[in-house]
Amino acid sequence: MSLSRGQMEDEITKAMIQWEKEYMGRGPTEARTDIVRNMVIVTLKGILSQAEKHLANNSEGMILIKKLRQQLVEQRRSELEEIIFKVTSTKVISLHTDLSTRTGERIFVFVTEKDI
């Protein structure tokens, strides 16, 4: 039985929350996944720790947080791609991510090899 788009979005959201908790040490306060054609867009809100929020008060701190978080994602990229593949049965061909140190929001965009 294949999952509906809404069910896939829900499963990906749950898996991404779990990944954040296990790997980053804390989960987001809000999370949402949207599937659009061949893209899986995951939005995570409230991801910054208190220390990161304090560090983000100046430009050097903002850059440091972004670089560190990007490096952490790159080290576990295969796990993130596996989450998408397990739910959608579609291979990820590229991953784009960024975070806002102002809002504490992170966006992941997974581009897949075909429309989902």
PDB file of N, CA and C in Angstrom:
ATOM      1  N   MET A   1       0.836  -1.184   0.000  1.00  0.00           N
ATOM      2  CA  MET A   1       0.000   0.000   0.000  1.00  0.00           C
ATOM      3  C   MET A   1       0.879   1.245   0.000  1.00  0.00           C
ATOM      4  N   SER A   2       0.653   2.131  -0.949  1.00  0.00           N
ATOM      5  CA  SER A   2       1.457   3.346  -0.999  1.00  0.00           C
ATOM      6  C   SER A   2       0.804   4.433  -0.144  1.00  0.00           C
ATOM      7  N   LEU A   3       1.633   5.332   0.328  1.00  0.00           N
ATOM      8  CA  LEU A   3       1.167   6.416   1.191  1.00  0.00           C
ATOM      9  C   LEU A   3       0.664   7.582   0.351  1.00  0.00           C
ATOM     10  N   SER A   4      -0.297   8.319   0.884  1.00  0.00           N
ATOM     11  CA  SER A   4      -0.735   9.556   0.237  1.00  0.00           C
ATOM     12  C   SER A   4       0.337  10.624   0.445  1.00  0.00           C
ATOM     13  N   ARG A   5       0.250  11.702  -0.301  1.00  0.00           N
ATOM     14  CA  ARG A   5       1.217  12.782  -0.133  1.00  0.00           C
ATOM     15  C   ARG A   5       1.202  13.294   1.305  1.00  0.00           C
ATOM     16  N   GLY A   6       0.022  13.493   1.867  1.00  0.00           N
ATOM     17  CA  GLY A   6      -0.084  13.967   3.251  1.00  0.00           C
ATOM     18  C   GLY A   6       0.549  13.010   4.246  1.00  0.00           C
ATOM     19  N   GLN A   7       0.365  11.708   4.029  1.00  0.00           N
ATOM     20  CA  GLN A   7       0.980  10.710   4.908  1.00  0.00           C
ATOM     21  C   GLN A   7       2.503  10.732   4.776  1.00  0.00           C
ATOM     22  N   MET A   8       2.999  10.885   3.544  1.00  0.00           N
ATOM     23  CA  MET A   8       4.450  10.969   3.346  1.00  0.00           C
ATOM     24  C   MET A   8       5.010  12.206   4.040  1.00  0.00           C
ATOM     25  N   GLU A   9       4.319  13.337   3.892  1.00  0.00           N
ATOM     26  CA  GLU A   9       4.779  14.567   4.545  1.00  0.00           C
ATOM     27  C   GLU A   9       4.834  14.383   6.050  1.00  0.00           C
ATOM     28  N   ASP A  10       3.829  13.735   6.621  1.00  0.00           N
ATOM     29  CA  ASP A  10       3.781  13.488   8.060  1.00  0.00           C
ATOM     30  C   ASP A  10       4.923  12.576   8.506  1.00  0.00           C
ATOM     31  N   GLU A  11       5.169  11.503   7.753  1.00  0.00           N
ATOM     32  CA  GLU A  11       6.251  10.569   8.096  1.00  0.00           C
ATOM     33  C   GLU A  11       7.615  11.242   8.029  1.00  0.00           C
ATOM     34  N   ILE A  12       7.831  12.054   6.996  1.00  0.00           N
ATOM     35  CA  ILE A  12       9.107  12.760   6.863  1.00  0.00           C
ATOM     36  C   ILE A  12       9.281  13.746   8.014  1.00  0.00           C
ATOM     37  N   THR A  13       8.218  14.466   8.362  1.00  0.00           N
ATOM     38  CA  THR A  13       8.288  15.414   9.478  1.00  0.00           C
ATOM     39  C   THR A  13       8.701  14.703  10.761  1.00  0.00           C
ATOM     40  N   LYS A  14       8.042  13.591  11.058  1.00  0.00           N
ATOM     41  CA  LYS A  14       8.369  12.836  12.281  1.00  0.00           C
ATOM     42  C   LYS A  14       9.827  12.369  12.269  1.00  0.00           C
ATOM     43  N   ALA A  15      10.279  11.863  11.127  1.00  0.00           N
ATOM     44  CA  ALA A  15      11.659  11.357  11.026  1.00  0.00           C
ATOM     45  C   ALA A  15      12.672  12.496  11.157  1.00  0.00           C
ATOM     46  N   MET A  16      12.370  13.651  10.596  1.00  0.00           N
ATOM     47  CA  MET A  16      13.290  14.794  10.690  1.00  0.00           C
ATOM     48  C   MET A  16      13.358  15.327  12.123  1.00  0.00           C
ATOM     49  N   ILE A  17      12.229  15.349  12.814  1.00  0.00           N
ATOM     50  CA  ILE A  17      12.228  15.749  14.229  1.00  0.00           C
ATOM     51  C   ILE A  17      13.100  14.795  15.027  1.00  0.00           C
ATOM     52  N   GLN A  18      12.937  13.496  14.788  1.00  0.00           N
ATOM     53  CA  GLN A  18      13.725  12.492  15.499  1.00  0.00           C
ATOM     54  C   GLN A  18      15.211  12.645  15.186  1.00  0.00           C
ATOM     55  N   TRP A  19      15.551  12.893  13.922  1.00  0.00           N
ATOM     56  CA  TRP A  19      16.948  13.083  13.526  1.00  0.00           C
ATOM     57  C   TRP A  19      17.538  14.288  14.254  1.00  0.00           C
ATOM     58  N   GLU A  20      16.805  15.381  14.294  1.00  0.00           N
ATOM     59  CA  GLU A  20      17.278  16.580  14.999  1.00  0.00           C
ATOM     60  C   GLU A  20      17.514  16.290  16.480  1.00  0.00           C
ATOM     61  N   LYS A  21      16.588  15.573  17.102  1.00  0.00           N
ATOM     62  CA  LYS A  21      16.730  15.247  18.529  1.00  0.00           C
ATOM     63  C   LYS A  21      17.954  14.378  18.774  1.00  0.00           C
ATOM     64  N   GLU A  22      18.110  13.344  17.956  1.00  0.00           N
ATOM     65  CA  GLU A  22      19.212  12.402  18.166  1.00  0.00           C
ATOM     66  C   GLU A  22      20.569  12.996  17.813  1.00  0.00           C
ATOM     67  N   TYR A  23      20.633  13.730  16.712  1.00  0.00           N
ATOM     68  CA  TYR A  23      21.929  14.191  16.230  1.00  0.00           C
ATOM     69  C   TYR A  23      22.300  15.581  16.725  1.00  0.00           C
ATOM     70  N   MET A  24      21.343  16.489  16.762  1.00  0.00           N
ATOM     71  CA  MET A  24      21.630  17.858  17.176  1.00  0.00           C
ATOM     72  C   MET A  24      21.407  18.066  18.679  1.00  0.00           C
ATOM     73  N   GLY A  25      20.785  17.082  19.324  1.00  0.00           N
ATOM     74  CA  GLY A  25      20.622  17.161  20.764  1.00  0.00           C
ATOM     75  C   GLY A  25      19.314  17.765  21.234  1.00  0.00           C
ATOM     76  N   ARG A  26      18.551  18.313  20.294  1.00  0.00           N
ATOM     77  CA  ARG A  26      17.247  18.867  20.643  1.00  0.00           C
ATOM     78  C   ARG A  26      16.414  18.971  19.380  1.00  0.00           C
ATOM     79  N   GLY A  27      15.137  18.879  19.550  1.00  0.00           N
ATOM     80  CA  GLY A  27      14.241  18.948  18.397  1.00  0.00           C
ATOM     81  C   GLY A  27      13.685  20.342  18.211  1.00  0.00           C
ATOM     82  N   PRO A  28      13.058  20.569  17.069  1.00  0.00           N
ATOM     83  CA  PRO A  28      12.439  21.860  16.810  1.00  0.00           C
ATOM     84  C   PRO A  28      11.157  22.031  17.618  1.00  0.00           C
ATOM     85  N   THR A  29      10.709  23.275  17.758  1.00  0.00           N
ATOM     86  CA  THR A  29       9.443  23.530  18.427  1.00  0.00           C
ATOM     87  C   THR A  29       8.272  23.335  17.463  1.00  0.00           C
ATOM     88  N   GLU A  30       8.544  23.512  16.173  1.00  0.00           N
ATOM     89  CA  GLU A  30       7.545  23.273  15.129  1.00  0.00           C
ATOM     90  C   GLU A  30       8.248  22.661  13.926  1.00  0.00           C
ATOM     91  N   ALA A  31       7.506  21.852  13.182  1.00  0.00           N
ATOM     92  CA  ALA A  31       8.070  21.253  11.972  1.00  0.00           C
ATOM     93  C   ALA A  31       6.970  21.020  10.954  1.00  0.00           C
ATOM     94  N   ARG A  32       7.351  21.119   9.692  1.00  0.00           N
ATOM     95  CA  ARG A  32       6.387  20.904   8.616  1.00  0.00           C
ATOM     96  C   ARG A  32       7.137  20.427   7.374  1.00  0.00           C
ATOM     97  N   THR A  33       6.497  19.555   6.620  1.00  0.00           N
ATOM     98  CA  THR A  33       7.051  19.073   5.355  1.00  0.00           C
ATOM     99  C   THR A  33       6.030  19.309   4.256  1.00  0.00           C
ATOM    100  N   ASP A  34       6.525  19.787   3.136  1.00  0.00           N
ATOM    101  CA  ASP A  34       5.687  19.969   1.951  1.00  0.00           C
ATOM    102  C   ASP A  34       6.370  19.287   0.775  1.00  0.00           C
ATOM    103  N   ILE A  35       5.602  18.510   0.021  1.00  0.00           N
ATOM    104  CA  ILE A  35       6.116  17.876  -1.186  1.00  0.00           C
ATOM    105  C   ILE A  35       5.545  18.631  -2.380  1.00  0.00           C
ATOM    106  N   VAL A  36       6.442  19.144  -3.213  1.00  0.00           N
ATOM    107  CA  VAL A  36       6.054  19.895  -4.405  1.00  0.00           C
ATOM    108  C   VAL A  36       6.847  19.323  -5.578  1.00  0.00           C
ATOM    109  N   ARG A  37       6.141  18.691  -6.504  1.00  0.00           N
ATOM    110  CA  ARG A  37       6.759  18.049  -7.673  1.00  0.00           C
ATOM    111  C   ARG A  37       7.909  17.129  -7.236  1.00  0.00           C
ATOM    112  N   ASN A  38       9.147  17.508  -7.551  1.00  0.00           N
ATOM    113  CA  ASN A  38      10.297  16.673  -7.195  1.00  0.00           C
ATOM    114  C   ASN A  38      11.084  17.258  -6.020  1.00  0.00           C
ATOM    115  N   MET A  39      10.407  18.034  -5.185  1.00  0.00           N
ATOM    116  CA  MET A  39      11.076  18.633  -4.029  1.00  0.00           C
ATOM    117  C   MET A  39      10.347  18.282  -2.737  1.00  0.00           C
ATOM    118  N   VAL A  40      11.154  17.993  -1.724  1.00  0.00           N
ATOM    119  CA  VAL A  40      10.632  17.800  -0.378  1.00  0.00           C
ATOM    120  C   VAL A  40      11.193  18.961   0.446  1.00  0.00           C
ATOM    121  N   ILE A  41      10.308  19.803   0.930  1.00  0.00           N
ATOM    122  CA  ILE A  41      10.709  20.991   1.673  1.00  0.00           C
ATOM    123  C   ILE A  41      10.345  20.791   3.137  1.00  0.00           C
ATOM    124  N   VAL A  42      11.364  20.810   3.988  1.00  0.00           N
ATOM    125  CA  VAL A  42      11.157  20.613   5.418  1.00  0.00           C
ATOM    126  C   VAL A  42      11.514  21.916   6.131  1.00  0.00           C
ATOM    127  N   THR A  43      10.578  22.416   6.924  1.00  0.00           N
ATOM    128  CA  THR A  43      10.781  23.637   7.697  1.00  0.00           C
ATOM    129  C   THR A  43      10.788  23.267   9.173  1.00  0.00           C
ATOM    130  N   LEU A  44      11.857  23.642   9.856  1.00  0.00           N
ATOM    131  CA  LEU A  44      11.988  23.381  11.289  1.00  0.00           C
ATOM    132  C   LEU A  44      12.122  24.718  12.002  1.00  0.00           C
ATOM    133  N   LYS A  45      11.286  24.953  12.992  1.00  0.00           N
ATOM    134  CA  LYS A  45      11.328  26.210  13.742  1.00  0.00           C
ATOM    135  C   LYS A  45      11.794  25.940  15.170  1.00  0.00           C
ATOM    136  N   GLY A  46      12.438  26.936  15.756  1.00  0.00           N
ATOM    137  CA  GLY A  46      12.887  26.820  17.138  1.00  0.00           C
ATOM    138  C   GLY A  46      14.040  25.852  17.313  1.00  0.00           C
ATOM    139  N   ILE A  47      15.000  25.894  16.410  1.00  0.00           N
ATOM    140  CA  ILE A  47      16.092  24.909  16.457  1.00  0.00           C
ATOM    141  C   ILE A  47      17.326  25.379  17.225  1.00  0.00           C
ATOM    142  N   LEU A  48      17.440  26.671  17.477  1.00  0.00           N
ATOM    143  CA  LEU A  48      18.646  27.182  18.130  1.00  0.00           C
ATOM    144  C   LEU A  48      18.601  26.987  19.646  1.00  0.00           C
ATOM    145  N   SER A  49      19.735  26.607  20.192  1.00  0.00           N
ATOM    146  CA  SER A  49      19.860  26.499  21.652  1.00  0.00           C
ATOM    147  C   SER A  49      19.991  27.903  22.239  1.00  0.00           C
ATOM    148  N   GLN A  50      19.875  28.026  23.543  1.00  0.00           N
ATOM    149  CA  GLN A  50      20.041  29.328  24.200  1.00  0.00           C
ATOM    150  C   GLN A  50      21.429  29.895  23.914  1.00  0.00           C
ATOM    151  N   ALA A  51      22.448  29.043  23.962  1.00  0.00           N
ATOM    152  CA  ALA A  51      23.822  29.486  23.691  1.00  0.00           C
ATOM    153  C   ALA A  51      23.953  30.002  22.261  1.00  0.00           C
ATOM    154  N   GLU A  52      23.328  29.302  21.302  1.00  0.00           N
ATOM    155  CA  GLU A  52      23.386  29.750  19.910  1.00  0.00           C
ATOM    156  C   GLU A  52      22.646  31.077  19.722  1.00  0.00           C
ATOM    157  N   LYS A  53      21.526  31.244  20.390  1.00  0.00           N
ATOM    158  CA  LYS A  53      20.786  32.506  20.306  1.00  0.00           C
ATOM    159  C   LYS A  53      21.649  33.661  20.801  1.00  0.00           C
ATOM    160  N   HIS A  54      22.357  33.432  21.901  1.00  0.00           N
ATOM    161  CA  HIS A  54      23.233  34.462  22.458  1.00  0.00           C
ATOM    162  C   HIS A  54      24.386  34.752  21.492  1.00  0.00           C
ATOM    163  N   LEU A  55      24.970  33.701  20.949  1.00  0.00           N
ATOM    164  CA  LEU A  55      26.089  33.836  20.015  1.00  0.00           C
ATOM    165  C   LEU A  55      25.663  34.567  18.739  1.00  0.00           C
ATOM    166  N   ALA A  56      24.414  34.414  18.342  1.00  0.00           N
ATOM    167  CA  ALA A  56      23.910  35.012  17.103  1.00  0.00           C
ATOM    168  C   ALA A  56      23.717  36.522  17.192  1.00  0.00           C
ATOM    169  N   ASN A  57      24.018  37.115  18.329  1.00  0.00           N
ATOM    170  CA  ASN A  57      23.841  38.551  18.496  1.00  0.00           C
ATOM    171  C   ASN A  57      24.854  39.387  17.726  1.00  0.00           C
ATOM    172  N   ASN A  58      25.888  38.766  17.161  1.00  0.00           N
ATOM    173  CA  ASN A  58      26.833  39.519  16.337  1.00  0.00           C
ATOM    174  C   ASN A  58      27.144  38.731  15.068  1.00  0.00           C
ATOM    175  N   SER A  59      27.703  39.406  14.084  1.00  0.00           N
ATOM    176  CA  SER A  59      27.891  38.779  12.768  1.00  0.00           C
ATOM    177  C   SER A  59      28.863  37.602  12.812  1.00  0.00           C
ATOM    178  N   GLU A  60      29.906  37.688  13.621  1.00  0.00           N
ATOM    179  CA  GLU A  60      30.840  36.559  13.721  1.00  0.00           C
ATOM    180  C   GLU A  60      30.143  35.328  14.278  1.00  0.00           C
ATOM    181  N   GLY A  61      29.310  35.526  15.276  1.00  0.00           N
ATOM    182  CA  GLY A  61      28.560  34.424  15.870  1.00  0.00           C
ATOM    183  C   GLY A  61      27.579  33.811  14.893  1.00  0.00           C
ATOM    184  N   MET A  62      26.904  34.648  14.116  1.00  0.00           N
ATOM    185  CA  MET A  62      25.961  34.146  13.115  1.00  0.00           C
ATOM    186  C   MET A  62      26.667  33.260  12.095  1.00  0.00           C
ATOM    187  N   ILE A  63      27.802  33.724  11.616  1.00  0.00           N
ATOM    188  CA  ILE A  63      28.574  32.960  10.628  1.00  0.00           C
ATOM    189  C   ILE A  63      29.039  31.639  11.232  1.00  0.00           C
ATOM    190  N   LEU A  64      29.512  31.672  12.463  1.00  0.00           N
ATOM    191  CA  LEU A  64      29.990  30.467  13.146  1.00  0.00           C
ATOM    192  C   LEU A  64      28.872  29.428  13.286  1.00  0.00           C
ATOM    193  N   ILE A  65      27.703  29.862  13.700  1.00  0.00           N
ATOM    194  CA  ILE A  65      26.559  28.949  13.855  1.00  0.00           C
ATOM    195  C   ILE A  65      26.204  28.319  12.518  1.00  0.00           C
ATOM    196  N   LYS A  66      26.113  29.136  11.479  1.00  0.00           N
ATOM    197  CA  LYS A  66      25.757  28.622  10.150  1.00  0.00           C
ATOM    198  C   LYS A  66      26.789  27.610   9.657  1.00  0.00           C
ATOM    199  N   LYS A  67      28.074  27.923   9.811  1.00  0.00           N
ATOM    200  CA  LYS A  67      29.135  27.005   9.356  1.00  0.00           C
ATOM    201  C   LYS A  67      29.088  25.698  10.128  1.00  0.00           C
ATOM    202  N   LEU A  68      28.937  25.782  11.435  1.00  0.00           N
ATOM    203  CA  LEU A  68      28.893  24.578  12.265  1.00  0.00           C
ATOM    204  C   LEU A  68      27.700  23.703  11.903  1.00  0.00           C
ATOM    205  N   ARG A  69      26.537  24.293  11.801  1.00  0.00           N
ATOM    206  CA  ARG A  69      25.336  23.526  11.466  1.00  0.00           C
ATOM    207  C   ARG A  69      25.446  22.917  10.061  1.00  0.00           C
ATOM    208  N   GLN A  70      26.036  23.654   9.122  1.00  0.00           N
ATOM    209  CA  GLN A  70      26.204  23.131   7.769  1.00  0.00           C
ATOM    210  C   GLN A  70      27.147  21.932   7.775  1.00  0.00           C
ATOM    211  N   GLN A  71      28.220  22.032   8.531  1.00  0.00           N
ATOM    212  CA  GLN A  71      29.180  20.922   8.625  1.00  0.00           C
ATOM    213  C   GLN A  71      28.534  19.689   9.255  1.00  0.00           C
ATOM    214  N   LEU A  72      27.732  19.885  10.283  1.00  0.00           N
ATOM    215  CA  LEU A  72      27.045  18.770  10.927  1.00  0.00           C
ATOM    216  C   LEU A  72      26.090  18.077   9.958  1.00  0.00           C
ATOM    217  N   VAL A  73      25.378  18.859   9.158  1.00  0.00           N
ATOM    218  CA  VAL A  73      24.462  18.277   8.166  1.00  0.00           C
ATOM    219  C   VAL A  73      25.251  17.489   7.126  1.00  0.00           C
ATOM    220  N   GLU A  74      26.343  18.050   6.637  1.00  0.00           N
ATOM    221  CA  GLU A  74      27.140  17.359   5.617  1.00  0.00           C
ATOM    222  C   GLU A  74      27.664  16.015   6.129  1.00  0.00           C
ATOM    223  N   GLN A  75      28.035  15.953   7.400  1.00  0.00           N
ATOM    224  CA  GLN A  75      28.546  14.700   7.972  1.00  0.00           C
ATOM    225  C   GLN A  75      27.479  13.616   8.022  1.00  0.00           C
ATOM    226  N   ARG A  76      26.231  13.999   8.113  1.00  0.00           N
ATOM    227  CA  ARG A  76      25.136  13.030   8.213  1.00  0.00           C
ATOM    228  C   ARG A  76      24.173  13.103   7.031  1.00  0.00           C
ATOM    229  N   ARG A  77      24.641  13.643   5.956  1.00  0.00           N
ATOM    230  CA  ARG A  77      23.804  13.822   4.761  1.00  0.00           C
ATOM    231  C   ARG A  77      23.160  12.513   4.303  1.00  0.00           C
ATOM    232  N   SER A  78      23.917  11.419   4.332  1.00  0.00           N
ATOM    233  CA  SER A  78      23.376  10.141   3.861  1.00  0.00           C
ATOM    234  C   SER A  78      22.175   9.705   4.702  1.00  0.00           C
ATOM    235  N   GLU A  79      22.176  10.007   5.998  1.00  0.00           N
ATOM    236  CA  GLU A  79      21.040   9.669   6.855  1.00  0.00           C
ATOM    237  C   GLU A  79      19.797  10.463   6.445  1.00  0.00           C
ATOM    238  N   LEU A  80      19.990  11.734   6.136  1.00  0.00           N
ATOM    239  CA  LEU A  80      18.872  12.573   5.712  1.00  0.00           C
ATOM    240  C   LEU A  80      18.309  12.088   4.382  1.00  0.00           C
ATOM    241  N   GLU A  81      19.187  11.761   3.441  1.00  0.00           N
ATOM    242  CA  GLU A  81      18.744  11.253   2.151  1.00  0.00           C
ATOM    243  C   GLU A  81      17.998   9.927   2.307  1.00  0.00           C
ATOM    244  N   GLU A  82      18.439   9.112   3.262  1.00  0.00           N
ATOM    245  CA  GLU A  82      17.786   7.825   3.515  1.00  0.00           C
ATOM    246  C   GLU A  82      16.370   8.023   4.061  1.00  0.00           C
ATOM    247  N   ILE A  83      16.168   9.034   4.892  1.00  0.00           N
ATOM    248  CA  ILE A  83      14.825   9.342   5.404  1.00  0.00           C
ATOM    249  C   ILE A  83      13.878   9.584   4.231  1.00  0.00           C
ATOM    250  N   ILE A  84      14.305  10.405   3.301  1.00  0.00           N
ATOM    251  CA  ILE A  84      13.454  10.735   2.149  1.00  0.00           C
ATOM    252  C   ILE A  84      13.214   9.497   1.291  1.00  0.00           C
ATOM    253  N   PHE A  85      14.261   8.712   1.044  1.00  0.00           N
ATOM    254  CA  PHE A  85      14.115   7.521   0.210  1.00  0.00           C
ATOM    255  C   PHE A  85      13.170   6.498   0.841  1.00  0.00           C
ATOM    256  N   LYS A  86      13.307   6.270   2.154  1.00  0.00           N
ATOM    257  CA  LYS A  86      12.456   5.277   2.829  1.00  0.00           C
ATOM    258  C   LYS A  86      10.977   5.633   2.714  1.00  0.00           C
ATOM    259  N   VAL A  87      10.665   6.912   2.791  1.00  0.00           N
ATOM    260  CA  VAL A  87       9.264   7.326   2.770  1.00  0.00           C
ATOM    261  C   VAL A  87       8.731   7.447   1.340  1.00  0.00           C
ATOM    262  N   THR A  88       9.544   7.962   0.421  1.00  0.00           N
ATOM    263  CA  THR A  88       9.048   8.263  -0.924  1.00  0.00           C
ATOM    264  C   THR A  88       9.463   7.248  -1.983  1.00  0.00           C
ATOM    265  N   SER A  89      10.416   6.384  -1.667  1.00  0.00           N
ATOM    266  CA  SER A  89      10.994   5.440  -2.632  1.00  0.00           C
ATOM    267  C   SER A  89      11.619   6.164  -3.820  1.00  0.00           C
ATOM    268  N   THR A  90      12.069   7.379  -3.576  1.00  0.00           N
ATOM    269  CA  THR A  90      12.685   8.200  -4.619  1.00  0.00           C
ATOM    270  C   THR A  90      14.042   8.696  -4.133  1.00  0.00           C
ATOM    271  N   LYS A  91      15.048   8.572  -4.984  1.00  0.00           N
ATOM    272  CA  LYS A  91      16.419   8.958  -4.642  1.00  0.00           C
ATOM    273  C   LYS A  91      16.576  10.481  -4.617  1.00  0.00           C
ATOM    274  N   VAL A  92      17.308  10.968  -3.614  1.00  0.00           N
ATOM    275  CA  VAL A  92      17.632  12.387  -3.511  1.00  0.00           C
ATOM    276  C   VAL A  92      18.844  12.665  -4.405  1.00  0.00           C
ATOM    277  N   ILE A  93      18.730  13.679  -5.257  1.00  0.00           N
ATOM    278  CA  ILE A  93      19.874  14.031  -6.100  1.00  0.00           C
ATOM    279  C   ILE A  93      20.608  15.269  -5.606  1.00  0.00           C
ATOM    280  N   SER A  94      19.923  16.108  -4.821  1.00  0.00           N
ATOM    281  CA  SER A  94      20.630  17.232  -4.197  1.00  0.00           C
ATOM    282  C   SER A  94      19.899  17.673  -2.936  1.00  0.00           C
ATOM    283  N   LEU A  95      20.671  18.287  -2.051  1.00  0.00           N
ATOM    284  CA  LEU A  95      20.153  18.765  -0.777  1.00  0.00           C
ATOM    285  C   LEU A  95      20.630  20.192  -0.573  1.00  0.00           C
ATOM    286  N   HIS A  96      19.704  21.067  -0.247  1.00  0.00           N
ATOM    287  CA  HIS A  96      20.013  22.466   0.030  1.00  0.00           C
ATOM    288  C   HIS A  96      19.466  22.787   1.415  1.00  0.00           C
ATOM    289  N   THR A  97      20.235  23.516   2.201  1.00  0.00           N
ATOM    290  CA  THR A  97      19.759  23.865   3.533  1.00  0.00           C
ATOM    291  C   THR A  97      20.351  25.194   3.980  1.00  0.00           C
ATOM    292  N   ASP A  98      19.583  25.892   4.784  1.00  0.00           N
ATOM    293  CA  ASP A  98      20.063  27.118   5.405  1.00  0.00           C
ATOM    294  C   ASP A  98      19.248  27.338   6.665  1.00  0.00           C
ATOM    295  N   LEU A  99      19.766  28.201   7.520  1.00  0.00           N
ATOM    296  CA  LEU A  99      19.043  28.537   8.738  1.00  0.00           C
ATOM    297  C   LEU A  99      19.112  30.026   8.969  1.00  0.00           C
ATOM    298  N   SER A 100      18.101  30.518   9.637  1.00  0.00           N
ATOM    299  CA  SER A 100      18.069  31.917  10.020  1.00  0.00           C
ATOM    300  C   SER A 100      18.457  32.014  11.485  1.00  0.00           C
ATOM    301  N   THR A 101      19.518  32.762  11.757  1.00  0.00           N
ATOM    302  CA  THR A 101      19.919  32.945  13.152  1.00  0.00           C
ATOM    303  C   THR A 101      19.015  33.971  13.838  1.00  0.00           C
ATOM    304  N   ARG A 102      18.225  34.691  13.068  1.00  0.00           N
ATOM    305  CA  ARG A 102      17.271  35.648  13.653  1.00  0.00           C
ATOM    306  C   ARG A 102      16.013  34.960  14.143  1.00  0.00           C
ATOM    307  N   THR A 103      15.473  34.063  13.311  1.00  0.00           N
ATOM    308  CA  THR A 103      14.199  33.438  13.663  1.00  0.00           C
ATOM    309  C   THR A 103      14.343  32.043  14.256  1.00  0.00           C
ATOM    310  N   GLY A 104      15.535  31.447  14.121  1.00  0.00           N
ATOM    311  CA  GLY A 104      15.725  30.078  14.610  1.00  0.00           C
ATOM    312  C   GLY A 104      15.032  29.054  13.730  1.00  0.00           C
ATOM    313  N   GLU A 105      14.856  29.399  12.459  1.00  0.00           N
ATOM    314  CA  GLU A 105      14.182  28.520  11.515  1.00  0.00           C
ATOM    315  C   GLU A 105      15.206  27.939  10.538  1.00  0.00           C
ATOM    316  N   ARG A 106      15.039  26.653  10.236  1.00  0.00           N
ATOM    317  CA  ARG A 106      15.909  25.980   9.270  1.00  0.00           C
ATOM    318  C   ARG A 106      15.045  25.385   8.176  1.00  0.00           C
ATOM    319  N   ILE A 107      15.540  25.482   6.945  1.00  0.00           N
ATOM    320  CA  ILE A 107      14.846  24.922   5.789  1.00  0.00           C
ATOM    321  C   ILE A 107      15.756  23.883   5.143  1.00  0.00           C
ATOM    322  N   PHE A 108      15.188  22.736   4.840  1.00  0.00           N
ATOM    323  CA  PHE A 108      15.853  21.716   4.032  1.00  0.00           C
ATOM    324  C   PHE A 108      15.053  21.585   2.742  1.00  0.00           C
ATOM    325  N   VAL A 109      15.730  21.572   1.613  1.00  0.00           N
ATOM    326  CA  VAL A 109      15.082  21.291   0.339  1.00  0.00           C
ATOM    327  C   VAL A 109      15.805  20.079  -0.269  1.00  0.00           C
ATOM    328  N   PHE A 110      15.084  18.988  -0.365  1.00  0.00           N
ATOM    329  CA  PHE A 110      15.606  17.777  -0.995  1.00  0.00           C
ATOM    330  C   PHE A 110      15.054  17.732  -2.414  1.00  0.00           C
ATOM    331  N   VAL A 111      15.936  17.653  -3.406  1.00  0.00           N
ATOM    332  CA  VAL A 111      15.492  17.527  -4.788  1.00  0.00           C
ATOM    333  C   VAL A 111      15.651  16.051  -5.155  1.00  0.00           C
ATOM    334  N   THR A 112      14.576  15.461  -5.640  1.00  0.00           N
ATOM    335  CA  THR A 112      14.584  14.038  -5.945  1.00  0.00           C
ATOM    336  C   THR A 112      14.675  13.802  -7.455  1.00  0.00           C
ATOM    337  N   GLU A 113      14.997  12.573  -7.819  1.00  0.00           N
ATOM    338  CA  GLU A 113      15.216  12.237  -9.229  1.00  0.00           C
ATOM    339  C   GLU A 113      13.947  12.256 -10.070  1.00  0.00           C
ATOM    340  N   LYS A 114      12.778  12.235  -9.428  1.00  0.00           N
ATOM    341  CA  LYS A 114      11.513  12.307 -10.175  1.00  0.00           C
ATOM    342  C   LYS A 114      10.445  12.917  -9.291  1.00  0.00           C
ATOM    343  N   ASP A 115       9.347  13.315  -9.897  1.00  0.00           N
ATOM    344  CA  ASP A 115       8.224  13.859  -9.125  1.00  0.00           C
ATOM    345  C   ASP A 115       7.684  12.789  -8.179  1.00  0.00           C
ATOM    346  N   ILE A 116       7.255  13.239  -7.032  1.00  0.00           N
ATOM    347  CA  ILE A 116       6.731  12.313  -6.017  1.00  0.00           C
ATOM    348  C   ILE A 116       5.216  12.319  -6.094  1.00  0.00           C
TER     349      ILE A 116
END
